Amino acid sequence: MSKLRFIFRLKIHAGKLDEFKAVAAALLAMVQEQGRHTLEYEWFLNGDQTECVVLETFADSDALLTHADMVAAQAGRLFALCDMQDLWLCGEPSPAVLQRAAAFAPRQYSF
């Protein structure tokens, strides 16, 4: 099985919720328009809107890398507004995906 899933848990910086939501909306629109190999891209806020969980599922490693290139500029803006608390990488990623994700130190889970 080549499908990959990323699960992020993000802590939104105090006073940055509205800006976070605007950047998230831009990312969602971009992926809806251009991310044809992104199978799932969903964002969820907790009750007090201080944390966000992002679910991303890709057809394969190439689709994930294409997605990463597409959202890179907006992701930089997003990570100025929040801190990554957790990152899980599920599936069998290619060496290129592992290298690209290494800076985020994901917990990796195989099928």
PDB file of N, CA and C in Angstrom:
ATOM      1  N   MET A   1       0.845  -1.180   0.000  1.00  0.00           N
ATOM      2  CA  MET A   1       0.000   0.000   0.000  1.00  0.00           C
ATOM      3  C   MET A   1       0.889   1.241   0.000  1.00  0.00           C
ATOM      4  N   SER A   2       0.635   2.176  -0.896  1.00  0.00           N
ATOM      5  CA  SER A   2       1.508   3.343  -1.019  1.00  0.00           C
ATOM      6  C   SER A   2       0.914   4.609  -0.392  1.00  0.00           C
ATOM      7  N   LYS A   3      -0.337   4.562   0.026  1.00  0.00           N
ATOM      8  CA  LYS A   3      -0.987   5.734   0.608  1.00  0.00           C
ATOM      9  C   LYS A   3      -0.248   6.186   1.868  1.00  0.00           C
ATOM     10  N   LEU A   4      -0.129   7.515   2.043  1.00  0.00           N
ATOM     11  CA  LEU A   4       0.549   8.088   3.209  1.00  0.00           C
ATOM     12  C   LEU A   4      -0.382   9.048   3.931  1.00  0.00           C
ATOM     13  N   ARG A   5      -0.240   9.108   5.241  1.00  0.00           N
ATOM     14  CA  ARG A   5      -1.018  10.053   6.035  1.00  0.00           C
ATOM     15  C   ARG A   5      -0.094  10.809   6.981  1.00  0.00           C
ATOM     16  N   PHE A   6      -0.274  12.124   7.025  1.00  0.00           N
ATOM     17  CA  PHE A   6       0.345  12.980   8.031  1.00  0.00           C
ATOM     18  C   PHE A   6      -0.749  13.434   8.983  1.00  0.00           C
ATOM     19  N   ILE A   7      -0.456  13.421  10.266  1.00  0.00           N
ATOM     20  CA  ILE A   7      -1.352  13.967  11.280  1.00  0.00           C
ATOM     21  C   ILE A   7      -0.539  14.959  12.092  1.00  0.00           C
ATOM     22  N   PHE A   8      -0.970  16.219  12.077  1.00  0.00           N
ATOM     23  CA  PHE A   8      -0.298  17.287  12.810  1.00  0.00           C
ATOM     24  C   PHE A   8      -1.173  17.716  13.986  1.00  0.00           C
ATOM     25  N   ARG A   9      -0.554  18.078  15.091  1.00  0.00           N
ATOM     26  CA  ARG A   9      -1.257  18.782  16.178  1.00  0.00           C
ATOM     27  C   ARG A   9      -0.503  20.072  16.402  1.00  0.00           C
ATOM     28  N   LEU A  10      -1.203  21.182  16.241  1.00  0.00           N
ATOM     29  CA  LEU A  10      -0.602  22.509  16.287  1.00  0.00           C
ATOM     30  C   LEU A  10      -1.157  23.308  17.459  1.00  0.00           C
ATOM     31  N   LYS A  11      -0.303  24.026  18.154  1.00  0.00           N
ATOM     32  CA  LYS A  11      -0.695  24.932  19.238  1.00  0.00           C
ATOM     33  C   LYS A  11      -0.643  26.346  18.676  1.00  0.00           C
ATOM     34  N   ILE A  12      -1.787  27.015  18.620  1.00  0.00           N
ATOM     35  CA  ILE A  12      -1.889  28.341  18.021  1.00  0.00           C
ATOM     36  C   ILE A  12      -1.392  29.382  19.027  1.00  0.00           C
ATOM     37  N   HIS A  13      -0.546  30.293  18.562  1.00  0.00           N
ATOM     38  CA  HIS A  13      -0.025  31.342  19.433  1.00  0.00           C
ATOM     39  C   HIS A  13      -1.158  32.256  19.910  1.00  0.00           C
ATOM     40  N   ALA A  14      -1.066  32.705  21.146  1.00  0.00           N
ATOM     41  CA  ALA A  14      -2.071  33.603  21.723  1.00  0.00           C
ATOM     42  C   ALA A  14      -2.224  34.847  20.856  1.00  0.00           C
ATOM     43  N   GLY A  15      -3.465  35.218  20.603  1.00  0.00           N
ATOM     44  CA  GLY A  15      -3.755  36.412  19.814  1.00  0.00           C
ATOM     45  C   GLY A  15      -3.603  36.243  18.314  1.00  0.00           C
ATOM     46  N   LYS A  16      -3.316  35.035  17.847  1.00  0.00           N
ATOM     47  CA  LYS A  16      -3.065  34.802  16.421  1.00  0.00           C
ATOM     48  C   LYS A  16      -4.132  33.942  15.742  1.00  0.00           C
ATOM     49  N   LEU A  17      -5.246  33.695  16.433  1.00  0.00           N
ATOM     50  CA  LEU A  17      -6.262  32.794  15.892  1.00  0.00           C
ATOM     51  C   LEU A  17      -6.811  33.280  14.550  1.00  0.00           C
ATOM     52  N   ASP A  18      -7.192  34.533  14.461  1.00  0.00           N
ATOM     53  CA  ASP A  18      -7.775  35.024  13.211  1.00  0.00           C
ATOM     54  C   ASP A  18      -6.786  34.924  12.049  1.00  0.00           C
ATOM     55  N   GLU A  19      -5.544  35.271  12.300  1.00  0.00           N
ATOM     56  CA  GLU A  19      -4.519  35.173  11.254  1.00  0.00           C
ATOM     57  C   GLU A  19      -4.278  33.704  10.891  1.00  0.00           C
ATOM     58  N   PHE A  20      -4.244  32.834  11.897  1.00  0.00           N
ATOM     59  CA  PHE A  20      -4.094  31.397  11.673  1.00  0.00           C
ATOM     60  C   PHE A  20      -5.222  30.892  10.771  1.00  0.00           C
ATOM     61  N   LYS A  21      -6.455  31.273  11.094  1.00  0.00           N
ATOM     62  CA  LYS A  21      -7.601  30.828  10.297  1.00  0.00           C
ATOM     63  C   LYS A  21      -7.506  31.323   8.853  1.00  0.00           C
ATOM     64  N   ALA A  22      -7.018  32.542   8.657  1.00  0.00           N
ATOM     65  CA  ALA A  22      -6.890  33.087   7.304  1.00  0.00           C
ATOM     66  C   ALA A  22      -5.858  32.306   6.491  1.00  0.00           C
ATOM     67  N   VAL A  23      -4.727  32.000   7.102  1.00  0.00           N
ATOM     68  CA  VAL A  23      -3.694  31.225   6.402  1.00  0.00           C
ATOM     69  C   VAL A  23      -4.211  29.803   6.138  1.00  0.00           C
ATOM     70  N   ALA A  24      -4.885  29.211   7.119  1.00  0.00           N
ATOM     71  CA  ALA A  24      -5.446  27.867   6.934  1.00  0.00           C
ATOM     72  C   ALA A  24      -6.443  27.859   5.778  1.00  0.00           C
ATOM     73  N   ALA A  25      -7.290  28.882   5.701  1.00  0.00           N
ATOM     74  CA  ALA A  25      -8.269  28.968   4.613  1.00  0.00           C
ATOM     75  C   ALA A  25      -7.578  29.076   3.264  1.00  0.00           C
ATOM     76  N   ALA A  26      -6.492  29.846   3.194  1.00  0.00           N
ATOM     77  CA  ALA A  26      -5.733  29.958   1.941  1.00  0.00           C
ATOM     78  C   ALA A  26      -5.131  28.611   1.549  1.00  0.00           C
ATOM     79  N   LEU A  27      -4.607  27.886   2.538  1.00  0.00           N
ATOM     80  CA  LEU A  27      -4.050  26.554   2.265  1.00  0.00           C
ATOM     81  C   LEU A  27      -5.134  25.593   1.776  1.00  0.00           C
ATOM     82  N   LEU A  28      -6.274  25.603   2.446  1.00  0.00           N
ATOM     83  CA  LEU A  28      -7.366  24.716   2.049  1.00  0.00           C
ATOM     84  C   LEU A  28      -7.824  25.014   0.618  1.00  0.00           C
ATOM     85  N   ALA A  29      -7.961  26.291   0.290  1.00  0.00           N
ATOM     86  CA  ALA A  29      -8.380  26.663  -1.067  1.00  0.00           C
ATOM     87  C   ALA A  29      -7.347  26.218  -2.101  1.00  0.00           C
ATOM     88  N   MET A  30      -6.083  26.417  -1.792  1.00  0.00           N
ATOM     89  CA  MET A  30      -5.021  26.019  -2.714  1.00  0.00           C
ATOM     90  C   MET A  30      -5.055  24.516  -2.972  1.00  0.00           C
ATOM     91  N   VAL A  31      -5.207  23.744  -1.919  1.00  0.00           N
ATOM     92  CA  VAL A  31      -5.214  22.290  -2.070  1.00  0.00           C
ATOM     93  C   VAL A  31      -6.469  21.835  -2.814  1.00  0.00           C
ATOM     94  N   GLN A  32      -7.612  22.470  -2.544  1.00  0.00           N
ATOM     95  CA  GLN A  32      -8.833  22.101  -3.274  1.00  0.00           C
ATOM     96  C   GLN A  32      -8.681  22.353  -4.768  1.00  0.00           C
ATOM     97  N   GLU A  33      -8.021  23.453  -5.120  1.00  0.00           N
ATOM     98  CA  GLU A  33      -7.878  23.821  -6.526  1.00  0.00           C
ATOM     99  C   GLU A  33      -6.775  23.043  -7.241  1.00  0.00           C
ATOM    100  N   GLN A  34      -5.663  22.771  -6.546  1.00  0.00           N
ATOM    101  CA  GLN A  34      -4.481  22.245  -7.222  1.00  0.00           C
ATOM    102  C   GLN A  34      -4.009  20.881  -6.722  1.00  0.00           C
ATOM    103  N   GLY A  35      -4.513  20.420  -5.608  1.00  0.00           N
ATOM    104  CA  GLY A  35      -3.983  19.205  -4.998  1.00  0.00           C
ATOM    105  C   GLY A  35      -4.715  17.943  -5.397  1.00  0.00           C
ATOM    106  N   ARG A  36      -4.684  17.645  -6.681  1.00  0.00           N
ATOM    107  CA  ARG A  36      -5.498  16.523  -7.168  1.00  0.00           C
ATOM    108  C   ARG A  36      -5.064  15.160  -6.635  1.00  0.00           C
ATOM    109  N   HIS A  37      -3.848  15.039  -6.116  1.00  0.00           N
ATOM    110  CA  HIS A  37      -3.416  13.766  -5.543  1.00  0.00           C
ATOM    111  C   HIS A  37      -3.459  13.778  -4.011  1.00  0.00           C
ATOM    112  N   THR A  38      -4.035  14.855  -3.475  1.00  0.00           N
ATOM    113  CA  THR A  38      -4.274  14.921  -2.036  1.00  0.00           C
ATOM    114  C   THR A  38      -5.647  14.308  -1.799  1.00  0.00           C
ATOM    115  N   LEU A  39      -5.673  13.187  -1.125  1.00  0.00           N
ATOM    116  CA  LEU A  39      -6.916  12.452  -0.943  1.00  0.00           C
ATOM    117  C   LEU A  39      -7.750  12.992   0.214  1.00  0.00           C
ATOM    118  N   GLU A  40      -7.079  13.539   1.212  1.00  0.00           N
ATOM    119  CA  GLU A  40      -7.771  14.081   2.389  1.00  0.00           C
ATOM    120  C   GLU A  40      -6.954  15.256   2.906  1.00  0.00           C
ATOM    121  N   TYR A  41      -7.648  16.326   3.269  1.00  0.00           N
ATOM    122  CA  TYR A  41      -6.990  17.509   3.814  1.00  0.00           C
ATOM    123  C   TYR A  41      -8.012  18.203   4.691  1.00  0.00           C
ATOM    124  N   GLU A  42      -7.988  17.882   5.989  1.00  0.00           N
ATOM    125  CA  GLU A  42      -9.004  18.365   6.909  1.00  0.00           C
ATOM    126  C   GLU A  42      -8.353  18.999   8.135  1.00  0.00           C
ATOM    127  N   TRP A  43      -8.971  20.067   8.622  1.00  0.00           N
ATOM    128  CA  TRP A  43      -8.474  20.820   9.772  1.00  0.00           C
ATOM    129  C   TRP A  43      -9.561  20.835  10.842  1.00  0.00           C
ATOM    130  N   PHE A  44      -9.167  20.628  12.102  1.00  0.00           N
ATOM    131  CA  PHE A  44     -10.110  20.590  13.217  1.00  0.00           C
ATOM    132  C   PHE A  44      -9.556  21.429  14.375  1.00  0.00           C
ATOM    133  N   LEU A  45     -10.395  22.304  14.935  1.00  0.00           N
ATOM    134  CA  LEU A  45     -10.010  23.105  16.097  1.00  0.00           C
ATOM    135  C   LEU A  45     -10.622  22.502  17.358  1.00  0.00           C
ATOM    136  N   ASN A  46      -9.881  22.590  18.472  1.00  0.00           N
ATOM    137  CA  ASN A  46     -10.445  22.138  19.740  1.00  0.00           C
ATOM    138  C   ASN A  46     -11.466  23.172  20.234  1.00  0.00           C
ATOM    139  N   GLY A  47     -12.110  22.890  21.367  1.00  0.00           N
ATOM    140  CA  GLY A  47     -13.207  23.715  21.867  1.00  0.00           C
ATOM    141  C   GLY A  47     -12.848  25.169  22.101  1.00  0.00           C
ATOM    142  N   ASP A  48     -11.683  25.445  22.666  1.00  0.00           N
ATOM    143  CA  ASP A  48     -11.305  26.841  22.925  1.00  0.00           C
ATOM    144  C   ASP A  48     -10.446  27.430  21.800  1.00  0.00           C
ATOM    145  N   GLN A  49     -10.310  26.710  20.714  1.00  0.00           N
ATOM    146  CA  GLN A  49      -9.621  27.147  19.502  1.00  0.00           C
ATOM    147  C   GLN A  49      -8.173  27.570  19.767  1.00  0.00           C
ATOM    148  N   THR A  50      -7.501  26.795  20.608  1.00  0.00           N
ATOM    149  CA  THR A  50      -6.079  27.029  20.876  1.00  0.00           C
ATOM    150  C   THR A  50      -5.204  25.980  20.214  1.00  0.00           C
ATOM    151  N   GLU A  51      -5.821  24.889  19.756  1.00  0.00           N
ATOM    152  CA  GLU A  51      -5.093  23.823  19.078  1.00  0.00           C
ATOM    153  C   GLU A  51      -5.842  23.414  17.822  1.00  0.00           C
ATOM    154  N   CYS A  52      -5.075  22.911  16.870  1.00  0.00           N
ATOM    155  CA  CYS A  52      -5.634  22.451  15.606  1.00  0.00           C
ATOM    156  C   CYS A  52      -5.007  21.103  15.266  1.00  0.00           C
ATOM    157  N   VAL A  53      -5.825  20.190  14.791  1.00  0.00           N
ATOM    158  CA  VAL A  53      -5.343  18.914  14.263  1.00  0.00           C
ATOM    159  C   VAL A  53      -5.592  18.922  12.760  1.00  0.00           C
ATOM    160  N   VAL A  54      -4.557  18.573  12.012  1.00  0.00           N
ATOM    161  CA  VAL A  54      -4.640  18.543  10.550  1.00  0.00           C
ATOM    162  C   VAL A  54      -4.431  17.102  10.101  1.00  0.00           C
ATOM    163  N   LEU A  55      -5.347  16.617   9.271  1.00  0.00           N
ATOM    164  CA  LEU A  55      -5.256  15.280   8.688  1.00  0.00           C
ATOM    165  C   LEU A  55      -4.994  15.428   7.199  1.00  0.00           C
ATOM    166  N   GLU A  56      -3.896  14.837   6.751  1.00  0.00           N
ATOM    167  CA  GLU A  56      -3.529  14.888   5.337  1.00  0.00           C
ATOM    168  C   GLU A  56      -3.281  13.461   4.856  1.00  0.00           C
ATOM    169  N   THR A  57      -3.930  13.085   3.762  1.00  0.00           N
ATOM    170  CA  THR A  57      -3.708  11.771   3.172  1.00  0.00           C
ATOM    171  C   THR A  57      -3.361  11.961   1.699  1.00  0.00           C
ATOM    172  N   PHE A  58      -2.332  11.235   1.263  1.00  0.00           N
ATOM    173  CA  PHE A  58      -1.818  11.366  -0.094  1.00  0.00           C
ATOM    174  C   PHE A  58      -1.803  10.010  -0.776  1.00  0.00           C
ATOM    175  N   ALA A  59      -1.949  10.023  -2.094  1.00  0.00           N
ATOM    176  CA  ALA A  59      -1.973   8.786  -2.874  1.00  0.00           C
ATOM    177  C   ALA A  59      -0.663   8.014  -2.752  1.00  0.00           C
ATOM    178  N   ASP A  60       0.451   8.752  -2.661  1.00  0.00           N
ATOM    179  CA  ASP A  60       1.759   8.108  -2.583  1.00  0.00           C
ATOM    180  C   ASP A  60       2.799   9.160  -2.195  1.00  0.00           C
ATOM    181  N   SER A  61       4.050   8.755  -2.125  1.00  0.00           N
ATOM    182  CA  SER A  61       5.123   9.671  -1.738  1.00  0.00           C
ATOM    183  C   SER A  61       5.277  10.825  -2.713  1.00  0.00           C
ATOM    184  N   ASP A  62       5.139  10.567  -4.012  1.00  0.00           N
ATOM    185  CA  ASP A  62       5.259  11.646  -4.996  1.00  0.00           C
ATOM    186  C   ASP A  62       4.174  12.697  -4.786  1.00  0.00           C
ATOM    187  N   ALA A  63       2.963  12.268  -4.481  1.00  0.00           N
ATOM    188  CA  ALA A  63       1.870  13.211  -4.227  1.00  0.00           C
ATOM    189  C   ALA A  63       2.162  14.058  -2.997  1.00  0.00           C
ATOM    190  N   LEU A  64       2.724  13.454  -1.965  1.00  0.00           N
ATOM    191  CA  LEU A  64       3.072  14.201  -0.759  1.00  0.00           C
ATOM    192  C   LEU A  64       4.146  15.246  -1.057  1.00  0.00           C
ATOM    193  N   LEU A  65       5.162  14.867  -1.815  1.00  0.00           N
ATOM    194  CA  LEU A  65       6.226  15.807  -2.161  1.00  0.00           C
ATOM    195  C   LEU A  65       5.706  16.953  -3.033  1.00  0.00           C
ATOM    196  N   THR A  66       4.808  16.653  -3.953  1.00  0.00           N
ATOM    197  CA  THR A  66       4.194  17.691  -4.781  1.00  0.00           C
ATOM    198  C   THR A  66       3.405  18.655  -3.910  1.00  0.00           C
ATOM    199  N   HIS A  67       2.660  18.112  -2.973  1.00  0.00           N
ATOM    200  CA  HIS A  67       1.892  18.934  -2.027  1.00  0.00           C
ATOM    201  C   HIS A  67       2.825  19.835  -1.217  1.00  0.00           C
ATOM    202  N   ALA A  68       3.899  19.272  -0.701  1.00  0.00           N
ATOM    203  CA  ALA A  68       4.838  20.041   0.116  1.00  0.00           C
ATOM    204  C   ALA A  68       5.414  21.217  -0.678  1.00  0.00           C
ATOM    205  N   ASP A  69       5.751  20.994  -1.925  1.00  0.00           N
ATOM    206  CA  ASP A  69       6.267  22.081  -2.766  1.00  0.00           C
ATOM    207  C   ASP A  69       5.200  23.155  -2.982  1.00  0.00           C
ATOM    208  N   MET A  70       3.971  22.712  -3.212  1.00  0.00           N
ATOM    209  CA  MET A  70       2.879  23.631  -3.513  1.00  0.00           C
ATOM    210  C   MET A  70       2.564  24.547  -2.322  1.00  0.00           C
ATOM    211  N   VAL A  71       2.600  24.016  -1.112  1.00  0.00           N
ATOM    212  CA  VAL A  71       2.168  24.788   0.061  1.00  0.00           C
ATOM    213  C   VAL A  71       3.322  25.417   0.841  1.00  0.00           C
ATOM    214  N   ALA A  72       4.539  25.274   0.378  1.00  0.00           N
ATOM    215  CA  ALA A  72       5.716  25.689   1.152  1.00  0.00           C
ATOM    216  C   ALA A  72       5.645  27.138   1.638  1.00  0.00           C
ATOM    217  N   ALA A  73       5.302  28.063   0.776  1.00  0.00           N
ATOM    218  CA  ALA A  73       5.290  29.472   1.180  1.00  0.00           C
ATOM    219  C   ALA A  73       4.224  29.737   2.237  1.00  0.00           C
ATOM    220  N   GLN A  74       3.034  29.204   2.028  1.00  0.00           N
ATOM    221  CA  GLN A  74       1.955  29.392   3.006  1.00  0.00           C
ATOM    222  C   GLN A  74       2.257  28.659   4.311  1.00  0.00           C
ATOM    223  N   ALA A  75       2.886  27.498   4.224  1.00  0.00           N
ATOM    224  CA  ALA A  75       3.231  26.749   5.440  1.00  0.00           C
ATOM    225  C   ALA A  75       4.214  27.541   6.292  1.00  0.00           C
ATOM    226  N   GLY A  76       5.127  28.246   5.659  1.00  0.00           N
ATOM    227  CA  GLY A  76       6.045  29.102   6.402  1.00  0.00           C
ATOM    228  C   GLY A  76       5.301  30.168   7.182  1.00  0.00           C
ATOM    229  N   ARG A  77       4.292  30.763   6.566  1.00  0.00           N
ATOM    230  CA  ARG A  77       3.448  31.750   7.264  1.00  0.00           C
ATOM    231  C   ARG A  77       2.695  31.098   8.419  1.00  0.00           C
ATOM    232  N   LEU A  78       2.177  29.889   8.169  1.00  0.00           N
ATOM    233  CA  LEU A  78       1.410  29.193   9.203  1.00  0.00           C
ATOM    234  C   LEU A  78       2.271  28.901  10.429  1.00  0.00           C
ATOM    235  N   PHE A  79       3.482  28.395  10.200  1.00  0.00           N
ATOM    236  CA  PHE A  79       4.326  28.002  11.325  1.00  0.00           C
ATOM    237  C   PHE A  79       4.903  29.190  12.080  1.00  0.00           C
ATOM    238  N   ALA A  80       4.673  30.403  11.579  1.00  0.00           N
ATOM    239  CA  ALA A  80       5.001  31.604  12.350  1.00  0.00           C
ATOM    240  C   ALA A  80       3.885  31.922  13.345  1.00  0.00           C
ATOM    241  N   LEU A  81       2.739  31.250  13.200  1.00  0.00           N
ATOM    242  CA  LEU A  81       1.561  31.520  14.025  1.00  0.00           C
ATOM    243  C   LEU A  81       1.237  30.411  15.012  1.00  0.00           C
ATOM    244  N   CYS A  82       1.992  29.323  14.947  1.00  0.00           N
ATOM    245  CA  CYS A  82       1.696  28.173  15.795  1.00  0.00           C
ATOM    246  C   CYS A  82       2.968  27.358  16.016  1.00  0.00           C
ATOM    247  N   ASP A  83       2.893  26.451  16.963  1.00  0.00           N
ATOM    248  CA  ASP A  83       3.982  25.515  17.224  1.00  0.00           C
ATOM    249  C   ASP A  83       3.471  24.107  16.984  1.00  0.00           C
ATOM    250  N   MET A  84       4.289  23.302  16.331  1.00  0.00           N
ATOM    251  CA  MET A  84       3.918  21.904  16.130  1.00  0.00           C
ATOM    252  C   MET A  84       4.132  21.147  17.436  1.00  0.00           C
ATOM    253  N   GLN A  85       3.082  20.524  17.904  1.00  0.00           N
ATOM    254  CA  GLN A  85       3.138  19.742  19.130  1.00  0.00           C
ATOM    255  C   GLN A  85       3.471  18.279  18.838  1.00  0.00           C
ATOM    256  N   ASP A  86       2.862  17.761  17.787  1.00  0.00           N
ATOM    257  CA  ASP A  86       3.051  16.364  17.400  1.00  0.00           C
ATOM    258  C   ASP A  86       2.947  16.256  15.887  1.00  0.00           C
ATOM    259  N   LEU A  87       3.650  15.271  15.340  1.00  0.00           N
ATOM    260  CA  LEU A  87       3.537  14.945  13.924  1.00  0.00           C
ATOM    261  C   LEU A  87       3.704  13.445  13.775  1.00  0.00           C
ATOM    262  N   TRP A  88       2.712  12.838  13.167  1.00  0.00           N
ATOM    263  CA  TRP A  88       2.761  11.403  12.902  1.00  0.00           C
ATOM    264  C   TRP A  88       2.761  11.209  11.392  1.00  0.00           C
ATOM    265  N   LEU A  89       3.615  10.322  10.929  1.00  0.00           N
ATOM    266  CA  LEU A  89       3.698   9.946   9.520  1.00  0.00           C
ATOM    267  C   LEU A  89       3.335   8.471   9.443  1.00  0.00           C
ATOM    268  N   CYS A  90       2.247   8.173   8.774  1.00  0.00           N
ATOM    269  CA  CYS A  90       1.733   6.803   8.709  1.00  0.00           C
ATOM    270  C   CYS A  90       1.824   6.286   7.278  1.00  0.00           C
ATOM    271  N   GLY A  91       2.384   5.100   7.136  1.00  0.00           N
ATOM    272  CA  GLY A  91       2.525   4.478   5.831  1.00  0.00           C
ATOM    273  C   GLY A  91       3.963   4.091   5.567  1.00  0.00           C
ATOM    274  N   GLU A  92       4.269   3.901   4.307  1.00  0.00           N
ATOM    275  CA  GLU A  92       5.607   3.496   3.874  1.00  0.00           C
ATOM    276  C   GLU A  92       6.181   4.584   2.968  1.00  0.00           C
ATOM    277  N   PRO A  93       6.729   5.653   3.550  1.00  0.00           N
ATOM    278  CA  PRO A  93       7.226   6.770   2.743  1.00  0.00           C
ATOM    279  C   PRO A  93       8.524   6.442   2.015  1.00  0.00           C
ATOM    280  N   SER A  94       8.740   7.149   0.933  1.00  0.00           N
ATOM    281  CA  SER A  94       9.991   7.016   0.184  1.00  0.00           C
ATOM    282  C   SER A  94      11.130   7.667   0.971  1.00  0.00           C
ATOM    283  N   PRO A  95      12.374   7.329   0.632  1.00  0.00           N
ATOM    284  CA  PRO A  95      13.507   8.009   1.267  1.00  0.00           C
ATOM    285  C   PRO A  95      13.441   9.535   1.105  1.00  0.00           C
ATOM    286  N   ALA A  96      12.930  10.007  -0.036  1.00  0.00           N
ATOM    287  CA  ALA A  96      12.824  11.454  -0.263  1.00  0.00           C
ATOM    288  C   ALA A  96      11.856  12.103   0.726  1.00  0.00           C
ATOM    289  N   VAL A  97      10.762  11.427   1.009  1.00  0.00           N
ATOM    290  CA  VAL A  97       9.802  11.956   1.999  1.00  0.00           C
ATOM    291  C   VAL A  97      10.434  11.968   3.381  1.00  0.00           C
ATOM    292  N   LEU A  98      11.111  10.898   3.739  1.00  0.00           N
ATOM    293  CA  LEU A  98      11.758  10.840   5.050  1.00  0.00           C
ATOM    294  C   LEU A  98      12.787  11.956   5.205  1.00  0.00           C
ATOM    295  N   GLN A  99      13.547  12.206   4.156  1.00  0.00           N
ATOM    296  CA  GLN A  99      14.550  13.267   4.203  1.00  0.00           C
ATOM    297  C   GLN A  99      13.879  14.634   4.354  1.00  0.00           C
ATOM    298  N   ARG A 100      12.819  14.866   3.593  1.00  0.00           N
ATOM    299  CA  ARG A 100      12.111  16.152   3.626  1.00  0.00           C
ATOM    300  C   ARG A 100      11.444  16.384   4.976  1.00  0.00           C
ATOM    301  N   ALA A 101      10.936  15.328   5.596  1.00  0.00           N
ATOM    302  CA  ALA A 101      10.214  15.451   6.868  1.00  0.00           C
ATOM    303  C   ALA A 101      11.133  15.418   8.085  1.00  0.00           C
ATOM    304  N   ALA A 102      12.386  15.082   7.905  1.00  0.00           N
ATOM    305  CA  ALA A 102      13.304  14.886   9.031  1.00  0.00           C
ATOM    306  C   ALA A 102      13.375  16.096   9.954  1.00  0.00           C
ATOM    307  N   ALA A 103      13.322  17.291   9.416  1.00  0.00           N
ATOM    308  CA  ALA A 103      13.411  18.508  10.240  1.00  0.00           C
ATOM    309  C   ALA A 103      12.259  18.605  11.230  1.00  0.00           C
ATOM    310  N   PHE A 104      11.132  17.964  10.921  1.00  0.00           N
ATOM    311  CA  PHE A 104       9.966  17.980  11.801  1.00  0.00           C
ATOM    312  C   PHE A 104       9.947  16.819  12.794  1.00  0.00           C
ATOM    313  N   ALA A 105      10.892  15.896  12.649  1.00  0.00           N
ATOM    314  CA  ALA A 105      11.014  14.725  13.531  1.00  0.00           C
ATOM    315  C   ALA A 105       9.689  13.995  13.739  1.00  0.00           C
ATOM    316  N   PRO A 106       9.072  13.538  12.660  1.00  0.00           N
ATOM    317  CA  PRO A 106       7.790  12.839  12.819  1.00  0.00           C
ATOM    318  C   PRO A 106       7.951  11.486  13.494  1.00  0.00           C
ATOM    319  N   ARG A 107       6.926  11.080  14.202  1.00  0.00           N
ATOM    320  CA  ARG A 107       6.842   9.691  14.672  1.00  0.00           C
ATOM    321  C   ARG A 107       6.328   8.894  13.489  1.00  0.00           C
ATOM    322  N   GLN A 108       7.007   7.821  13.152  1.00  0.00           N
ATOM    323  CA  GLN A 108       6.633   7.063  11.973  1.00  0.00           C
ATOM    324  C   GLN A 108       5.949   5.760  12.363  1.00  0.00           C
ATOM    325  N   TYR A 109       4.845   5.476  11.659  1.00  0.00           N
ATOM    326  CA  TYR A 109       4.075   4.255  11.865  1.00  0.00           C
ATOM    327  C   TYR A 109       3.871   3.574  10.517  1.00  0.00           C
ATOM    328  N   SER A 110       4.153   2.282  10.469  1.00  0.00           N
ATOM    329  CA  SER A 110       3.994   1.506   9.238  1.00  0.00           C
ATOM    330  C   SER A 110       2.691   0.719   9.270  1.00  0.00           C
ATOM    331  N   PHE A 111       2.246   0.292   8.077  1.00  0.00           N
ATOM    332  CA  PHE A 111       1.048  -0.544   7.991  1.00  0.00           C
ATOM    333  C   PHE A 111       1.308  -1.877   8.660  1.00  0.00           C
TER     334      PHE A 111
END
